[in-house]
C-alpha cells in the first residue's frame, strides 16, 4: 500500500509539473523498489516450478506439475486429480486390498476400488529411485488387468500348501520377481510356486532401459528454475540433492528383460531346464513397497505374458516375516 501511495504521489507531481523535492523523490523511489522486491521474492517462494518434486514416503516422488491444487501448505501432502487421497495413502490402501484379495474373496466394490487406485497411482507419473524401488527383495505379483499369464496358472490350490508357513499359508502360492540394481548389475529372477516352496520354478535373466529419451529426461529432472533463482537470492542448491534427482527415473519407464536360463526346485533338489526369451516391461508406478507394471508387448512366447497384462507387485515383507524368504538373486550366483 505504501509503494502504491508513493507512485500516485509521483504521478500527481509530474501532472502538475511541480517536481518533488530531492528528499521526497528518494523516499518515494525507495518505497516503490522495496515493495516490488518484496512481491518478487514472495512470488518466487510460492511458485512451484514445473520440474520441482514433492517427495512422498518410500521412494516415490511426485512432479509438481501433476498436482491440480498446489500451495505452500499443500506441497508436503500432494493431491492426485481432485481427490483427497495422497499418493502414499493410495499406495497403502491398494496394498491392503491386494493382501485381502490373496487371503479372502473380495467384493465387486473392492475390485472396483483396486482398479481406481491403480488408475490414481499410474496417472500420478511419479519419479522413482531404482536403487530403492527396483533393487530389493522378492515382490509378489498380483494381476489387476489384462489377459491371465501362464505363470499365474502354475499354482495348485490345495489347502494350506501356500508359502509363508506358521499361519501365513493362507496367502496361497506366490509368483513374483526380484530385481537387482547395483552398480552395473541389472539382474532379475522370476519366481513361481506350483506347490509352495517345496515345488517351484525360477527363471533367471537381465534387464536394461529401453527408452531413447532416458538421458534427456534425467537431465530435465535434475534441473529446475530454482537452480538459477536461489543463487541470485543468495541461496544455493545442495550438490547431494542434484545427484539424488539425477538418479530418479520418470514413469512410465520401459525396460527389456532377457531370460537366459531356468530351474525347477522339488523338495530342495534343483533341475536346470533350457529356457530363453525376451519380455517387455513398462513401470507405471514404483515405491519401496509397491510397483505397478504393464506389458506393452507380448513376450517371445506369448503364452507367458500377452500385451496389456497389468500387474501390481507387493514387497514380500508385507506378506511374511522379514528374513522368511531367501535372496533369490544371491542364490543364483
Protein backbone atom coordinates (compact mmCIF):
# COMPACT_ATOMS: atom_id res chain seq x y z
CA UNK A 1 0.00 0.00 0.00
CA UNK A 2 2.83 2.37 0.85
CA UNK A 3 4.51 1.79 -2.52
CA UNK A 4 1.21 2.42 -4.33
CA UNK A 5 0.67 5.67 -2.44
CA UNK A 6 4.13 6.92 -3.41
CA UNK A 7 3.61 6.03 -7.08
CA UNK A 8 0.39 8.09 -7.07
CA UNK A 9 2.23 11.00 -5.44
CA UNK A 10 4.95 10.89 -8.10
CA UNK A 11 2.37 10.84 -10.92
CA UNK A 12 0.47 13.80 -9.43
CA UNK A 13 3.67 15.78 -9.13
CA UNK A 14 4.51 15.11 -12.76
CA UNK A 15 1.00 16.15 -13.88
CA UNK A 16 1.25 19.47 -12.02
CA UNK A 17 4.75 19.98 -13.42
CA UNK A 18 5.86 20.71 -9.88
CA UNK A 19 8.73 18.34 -9.11
CA UNK A 20 9.07 16.85 -5.68
CA UNK A 21 11.98 17.84 -3.52
CA UNK A 22 15.03 15.52 -3.81
CA UNK A 23 14.32 14.10 -0.36
CA UNK A 24 10.68 13.24 -1.17
CA UNK A 25 11.70 11.79 -4.59
CA UNK A 26 14.28 9.48 -2.96
CA UNK A 27 11.76 8.38 -0.29
CA UNK A 28 9.10 7.59 -2.90
CA UNK A 29 11.51 5.75 -5.20
CA UNK A 30 12.94 3.65 -2.33
CA UNK A 31 9.42 2.66 -1.24
CA UNK A 32 8.48 1.53 -4.76
CA UNK A 33 11.68 -0.50 -5.18
CA UNK A 34 11.39 -2.21 -1.78
CA UNK A 35 7.71 -3.02 -2.38
CA UNK A 36 8.42 -4.52 -5.82
CA UNK A 37 11.33 -6.59 -4.48
CA UNK A 38 9.16 -7.93 -1.64
CA UNK A 39 6.43 -9.07 -4.04
CA UNK A 40 9.01 -10.64 -6.36
CA UNK A 41 10.60 -12.66 -3.54
CA UNK A 42 7.22 -13.78 -2.14
CA UNK A 43 6.13 -14.77 -5.64
CA UNK A 44 9.27 -16.87 -6.13
CA UNK A 45 8.72 -18.56 -2.76
CA UNK A 46 5.14 -19.50 -3.58
CA UNK A 47 5.90 -20.53 -7.15
CA UNK A 48 6.16 -24.30 -7.72
CA UNK A 49 8.25 -24.78 -10.89
CA UNK A 50 7.26 -27.47 -13.42
CA UNK A 51 10.25 -29.64 -12.56
CA UNK A 52 10.05 -29.37 -8.78
CA UNK A 53 9.45 -32.60 -6.88
CA UNK A 54 7.24 -33.37 -3.90
CA UNK A 55 8.75 -36.31 -2.09
CA UNK A 56 6.42 -38.99 -0.83
CA UNK A 57 7.36 -41.78 1.61
CA UNK A 58 9.01 -44.98 0.37
CA UNK A 59 10.91 -43.50 -2.57
CA UNK A 60 8.16 -42.27 -4.91
CA UNK A 61 8.49 -38.63 -5.99
CA UNK A 62 5.53 -36.75 -7.47
CA UNK A 63 6.29 -33.99 -10.03
CA UNK A 64 4.61 -30.77 -9.00
CA UNK A 65 3.10 -30.38 -12.47
CA UNK A 66 0.79 -33.32 -11.68
CA UNK A 67 -0.83 -31.66 -8.67
CA UNK A 68 -4.04 -29.91 -9.55
CA UNK A 69 -4.03 -27.79 -6.42
CA UNK A 70 -0.64 -26.77 -5.07
CA UNK A 71 0.03 -24.16 -2.43
CA UNK A 72 2.69 -23.58 0.21
CA UNK A 73 0.54 -25.59 2.65
CA UNK A 74 -0.19 -28.49 0.27
CA UNK A 75 3.29 -29.12 -1.12
CA UNK A 76 4.07 -31.79 1.50
CA UNK A 77 0.70 -33.55 1.06
CA UNK A 78 0.12 -33.74 -2.71
CA UNK A 79 -3.34 -34.41 -4.07
CA UNK A 80 -3.97 -36.67 -7.02
CA UNK A 81 -6.58 -35.43 -9.50
CA UNK A 82 -9.26 -33.71 -7.41
CA UNK A 83 -9.34 -36.42 -4.75
CA UNK A 84 -8.44 -36.00 -1.10
CA UNK A 85 -6.18 -39.08 -1.15
CA UNK A 86 -2.41 -38.69 -1.23
CA UNK A 87 -0.05 -40.85 -3.25
CA UNK A 88 1.20 -42.63 -0.13
CA UNK A 89 -2.39 -43.12 1.04
CA UNK A 90 -3.39 -44.64 -2.30
CA UNK A 91 -0.36 -46.95 -2.20
CA UNK A 92 -1.12 -48.15 1.33
CA UNK A 93 -4.79 -48.73 0.56
CA UNK A 94 -4.00 -50.67 -2.61
CA UNK A 95 -1.55 -52.91 -0.74
CA UNK A 96 -4.19 -53.58 1.91
CA UNK A 97 -6.83 -54.52 -0.67
CA UNK A 98 -4.44 -56.76 -2.61
CA UNK A 99 -3.48 -58.60 0.60
CA UNK A 100 -7.18 -59.05 1.38
CA UNK A 101 -7.69 -60.40 -2.13
CA UNK A 102 -4.97 -63.00 -1.59
CA UNK A 103 -6.46 -64.25 1.69
CA UNK A 104 -10.20 -63.98 1.17
CA UNK A 105 -12.73 -63.39 -1.56
CA UNK A 106 -13.12 -59.72 -2.42
CA UNK A 107 -16.36 -57.97 -3.32
CA UNK A 108 -17.19 -56.19 -6.55
CA UNK A 109 -16.71 -52.93 -4.66
CA UNK A 110 -13.20 -53.99 -3.62
CA UNK A 111 -12.31 -54.86 -7.21
CA UNK A 112 -13.60 -51.51 -8.43
CA UNK A 113 -11.62 -49.73 -5.72
CA UNK A 114 -8.45 -51.62 -6.73
CA UNK A 115 -8.93 -50.52 -10.34
CA UNK A 116 -9.50 -46.92 -9.20
CA UNK A 117 -6.37 -46.86 -7.01
CA UNK A 118 -4.26 -48.36 -9.80
CA UNK A 119 -5.51 -45.59 -12.09
CA UNK A 120 -4.74 -42.94 -9.47
CA UNK A 121 -1.18 -44.12 -8.93
CA UNK A 122 -0.33 -44.60 -12.61
CA UNK A 123 -1.76 -41.21 -13.59
CA UNK A 124 0.49 -39.52 -11.00
CA UNK A 125 3.53 -40.27 -13.21
CA UNK A 126 5.88 -40.42 -10.23
CA UNK A 127 9.64 -40.42 -10.38
CA UNK A 128 11.35 -43.25 -8.51
CA UNK A 129 14.81 -44.22 -7.36
CA UNK A 130 15.69 -47.61 -8.90
CA UNK A 131 18.22 -48.25 -6.12
CA UNK A 132 15.35 -48.47 -3.60
CA UNK A 133 12.28 -49.21 -5.72
CA UNK A 134 13.70 -51.82 -8.14
CA UNK A 135 16.60 -53.26 -6.19
CA UNK A 136 15.34 -55.24 -3.23
CA UNK A 137 13.72 -58.49 -2.14
CA UNK A 138 11.09 -60.52 -3.95
CA UNK A 139 7.94 -58.60 -4.91
CA UNK A 140 4.76 -60.69 -5.12
CA UNK A 141 2.76 -60.26 -8.34
CA UNK A 142 -0.99 -59.69 -8.44
CA UNK A 143 -2.76 -59.46 -11.80
CA UNK A 144 -5.05 -56.42 -11.82
CA UNK A 145 -5.92 -56.18 -15.52
CA UNK A 146 -5.44 -57.92 -18.84
CA UNK A 147 -5.10 -61.50 -20.11
CA UNK A 148 -4.08 -64.06 -17.42
CA UNK A 149 -0.39 -65.04 -17.77
CA UNK A 150 0.79 -68.64 -17.82
CA UNK A 151 2.78 -68.23 -14.60
CA UNK A 152 -0.39 -67.31 -12.69
CA UNK A 153 -1.89 -70.69 -13.63
CA UNK A 154 1.05 -72.65 -12.21
CA UNK A 155 -0.14 -72.71 -8.61
CA UNK A 156 -2.07 -75.76 -7.38
CA UNK A 157 -4.80 -74.66 -4.99
CA UNK A 158 -4.67 -77.36 -2.33
CA UNK A 159 -5.47 -76.50 1.28
CA UNK A 160 -2.68 -74.82 3.20
CA UNK A 161 0.26 -75.62 0.91
CA UNK A 162 0.91 -71.97 0.07
CA UNK A 163 4.03 -70.09 1.13
CA UNK A 164 4.68 -68.40 4.39
CA UNK A 165 4.37 -71.14 7.00
CA UNK A 166 3.34 -70.67 10.64
CA UNK A 167 -0.10 -69.25 9.96
CA UNK A 168 0.81 -67.41 6.77
CA UNK A 169 -0.18 -70.21 4.39
CA UNK A 170 -3.46 -68.54 3.52
CA UNK A 171 -1.65 -66.16 1.16
CA UNK A 172 -1.51 -69.04 -1.34
CA UNK A 173 1.17 -69.87 -3.87
CA UNK A 174 3.48 -66.96 -4.63
CA UNK A 175 4.53 -65.69 -8.02
CA UNK A 176 6.78 -62.68 -8.32
CA UNK A 177 10.10 -61.12 -9.28
CA UNK A 178 13.27 -59.98 -7.60
CA UNK A 179 15.34 -57.28 -9.31
CA UNK A 180 18.90 -56.26 -8.59
CA UNK A 181 20.05 -52.73 -9.45
CA UNK A 182 23.57 -52.33 -8.11
CA UNK A 183 26.48 -50.60 -9.84
CA UNK A 184 26.42 -52.10 -13.35
CA UNK A 185 24.42 -55.19 -12.39
CA UNK A 186 20.86 -55.42 -13.75
CA UNK A 187 19.63 -58.93 -12.97
CA UNK A 188 16.18 -60.40 -12.36
CA UNK A 189 14.78 -63.69 -11.04
CA UNK A 190 11.22 -64.72 -11.90
CA UNK A 191 9.68 -66.97 -9.24
CA UNK A 192 6.51 -69.08 -9.43
CA UNK A 193 5.30 -71.62 -6.87
CA UNK A 194 3.44 -74.69 -8.03
CA UNK A 195 3.00 -76.25 -4.59
CA UNK A 196 4.56 -73.75 -2.22
CA UNK A 197 8.31 -73.56 -1.75
CA UNK A 198 8.50 -77.35 -1.97
CA UNK A 199 7.81 -77.26 -5.70
CA UNK A 200 8.53 -74.08 -7.64
CA UNK A 201 10.22 -72.78 -10.78
CA UNK A 202 12.68 -69.92 -11.31
CA UNK A 203 13.77 -68.13 -14.48
CA UNK A 204 16.94 -66.02 -14.49
CA UNK A 205 17.85 -63.08 -16.68
CA UNK A 206 18.94 -59.50 -17.09
CA UNK A 207 17.19 -56.23 -17.95
CA UNK A 208 18.01 -52.80 -19.37
CA UNK A 209 16.36 -49.47 -20.06
CA UNK A 210 14.55 -49.31 -23.38
CA UNK A 211 13.96 -45.59 -23.69
CA UNK A 212 15.84 -43.34 -26.11
CA UNK A 213 14.92 -40.23 -24.13
CA UNK A 214 16.38 -41.50 -20.85
CA UNK A 215 19.28 -39.07 -20.70
CA UNK A 216 17.11 -36.12 -21.70
CA UNK A 217 14.53 -36.99 -19.05
CA UNK A 218 17.12 -37.41 -16.32
CA UNK A 219 18.67 -34.07 -17.28
CA UNK A 220 15.26 -32.44 -17.12
CA UNK A 221 14.59 -33.91 -13.69
CA UNK A 222 17.96 -32.76 -12.38
CA UNK A 223 17.50 -29.07 -13.32
CA UNK A 224 14.81 -26.74 -12.05
CA UNK A 225 14.32 -22.92 -12.18
CA UNK A 226 15.40 -22.75 -8.53
CA UNK A 227 18.94 -23.71 -9.63
CA UNK A 228 19.20 -20.20 -11.13
CA UNK A 229 16.92 -18.25 -8.76
CA UNK A 230 18.38 -19.40 -5.43
CA UNK A 231 21.99 -18.37 -6.17
CA UNK A 232 20.67 -14.94 -7.30
CA UNK A 233 18.90 -14.55 -3.95
CA UNK A 234 21.96 -15.66 -2.04
CA UNK A 235 20.97 -19.30 -1.57
CA UNK A 236 22.48 -22.44 -3.02
CA UNK A 237 21.34 -25.78 -4.36
CA UNK A 238 22.61 -28.83 -2.50
CA UNK A 239 25.02 -30.93 -4.56
CA UNK A 240 23.70 -34.09 -2.91
CA UNK A 241 20.15 -33.09 -3.89
CA UNK A 242 21.21 -32.67 -7.52
CA UNK A 243 22.82 -36.12 -7.50
CA UNK A 244 19.71 -37.59 -5.90
CA UNK A 245 17.48 -36.08 -8.58
CA UNK A 246 19.80 -37.29 -11.34
CA UNK A 247 19.21 -40.88 -10.21
CA UNK A 248 15.43 -40.67 -10.47
CA UNK A 249 13.54 -42.35 -13.30
CA UNK A 250 10.32 -40.87 -14.64
CA UNK A 251 7.26 -43.08 -15.01
CA UNK A 252 6.28 -44.55 -17.37
CA UNK A 253 9.67 -46.18 -17.98
CA UNK A 254 10.30 -49.06 -20.39
CA UNK A 255 12.68 -51.97 -19.86
CA UNK A 256 13.61 -55.04 -21.89
CA UNK A 257 14.04 -58.29 -19.94
CA UNK A 258 16.08 -61.19 -21.36
CA UNK A 259 15.66 -64.62 -19.75
CA UNK A 260 18.67 -66.90 -20.18
CA UNK A 261 18.02 -70.00 -18.03
CA UNK A 262 15.51 -71.65 -15.72
CA UNK A 263 15.30 -74.22 -12.93
CA UNK A 264 12.72 -76.42 -11.19
CA UNK A 265 13.09 -76.90 -7.45
CA UNK A 266 11.49 -80.02 -5.93
CA UNK A 267 11.97 -80.73 -2.22
CA UNK A 268 15.27 -78.84 -2.23
CA UNK A 269 16.59 -80.51 -5.37
CA UNK A 270 17.37 -78.33 -8.40
CA UNK A 271 16.78 -79.34 -12.01
CA UNK A 272 18.02 -76.86 -14.65
CA UNK A 273 15.96 -76.52 -17.81
CA UNK A 274 16.80 -74.86 -21.15
CA UNK A 275 14.73 -71.71 -21.44
CA UNK A 276 15.27 -68.35 -23.13
CA UNK A 277 13.17 -65.44 -24.28
CA UNK A 278 12.53 -61.71 -24.20
CA UNK A 279 9.94 -59.81 -22.22
CA UNK A 280 8.91 -56.15 -22.17
CA UNK A 281 8.20 -54.17 -19.04
CA UNK A 282 6.79 -50.69 -18.50
CA UNK A 283 6.97 -49.27 -14.98
CA UNK A 284 3.83 -47.21 -14.31
CA UNK A 285 4.42 -46.66 -10.60
CA UNK A 286 7.08 -47.62 -8.05
CA UNK A 287 7.82 -47.06 -4.38
CA UNK A 288 9.63 -49.20 -1.82
CA UNK A 289 6.58 -51.41 -1.08
CA UNK A 290 4.54 -51.32 -4.29
CA UNK A 291 5.18 -51.41 -8.03
CA UNK A 292 2.76 -51.36 -10.96
CA UNK A 293 3.93 -52.83 -14.27
CA UNK A 294 2.28 -53.32 -17.65
CA UNK A 295 3.44 -55.41 -20.61
CA UNK A 296 3.48 -53.08 -23.65
CA UNK A 297 4.22 -56.08 -25.89
CA UNK A 298 3.82 -59.83 -25.64
CA UNK A 299 6.79 -61.98 -24.61
CA UNK A 300 8.68 -64.06 -27.18
CA UNK A 301 6.37 -66.96 -26.32
CA UNK A 302 3.10 -65.09 -25.74
CA UNK A 303 1.72 -67.90 -23.61
CA UNK A 304 3.79 -66.48 -20.75
CA UNK A 305 2.58 -62.87 -20.97
CA UNK A 306 0.46 -61.07 -23.54
CA UNK A 307 0.42 -57.34 -24.29
CA UNK A 308 -1.85 -55.43 -21.95
CA UNK A 309 -1.15 -57.50 -18.83
CA UNK A 310 -1.05 -55.18 -15.81
CA UNK A 311 0.43 -56.37 -12.52
CA UNK A 312 0.73 -54.82 -9.06
CA UNK A 313 3.68 -56.15 -7.08
CA UNK A 314 3.91 -56.05 -3.27
CA UNK A 315 7.14 -56.22 -1.28
CA UNK A 316 7.38 -59.72 0.26
CA UNK A 317 7.94 -58.18 3.71
CA UNK A 318 4.29 -57.05 3.63
CA UNK A 319 3.22 -60.73 3.46
CA UNK A 320 5.67 -62.74 5.55
CA UNK A 321 8.10 -62.14 8.39
CA UNK A 322 11.33 -60.42 7.39
CA UNK A 323 14.00 -62.97 6.55
CA UNK A 324 11.47 -65.74 5.88
CA UNK A 325 12.27 -65.62 2.17
CA UNK A 326 15.73 -66.15 0.70
CA UNK A 327 17.59 -63.72 -1.54
CA UNK A 328 16.89 -65.25 -4.95
CA UNK A 329 19.46 -63.14 -6.78
CA UNK A 330 22.21 -64.18 -4.36
CA UNK A 331 21.16 -67.82 -4.66
CA UNK A 332 21.53 -67.65 -8.45
CA UNK A 333 25.19 -66.61 -8.29
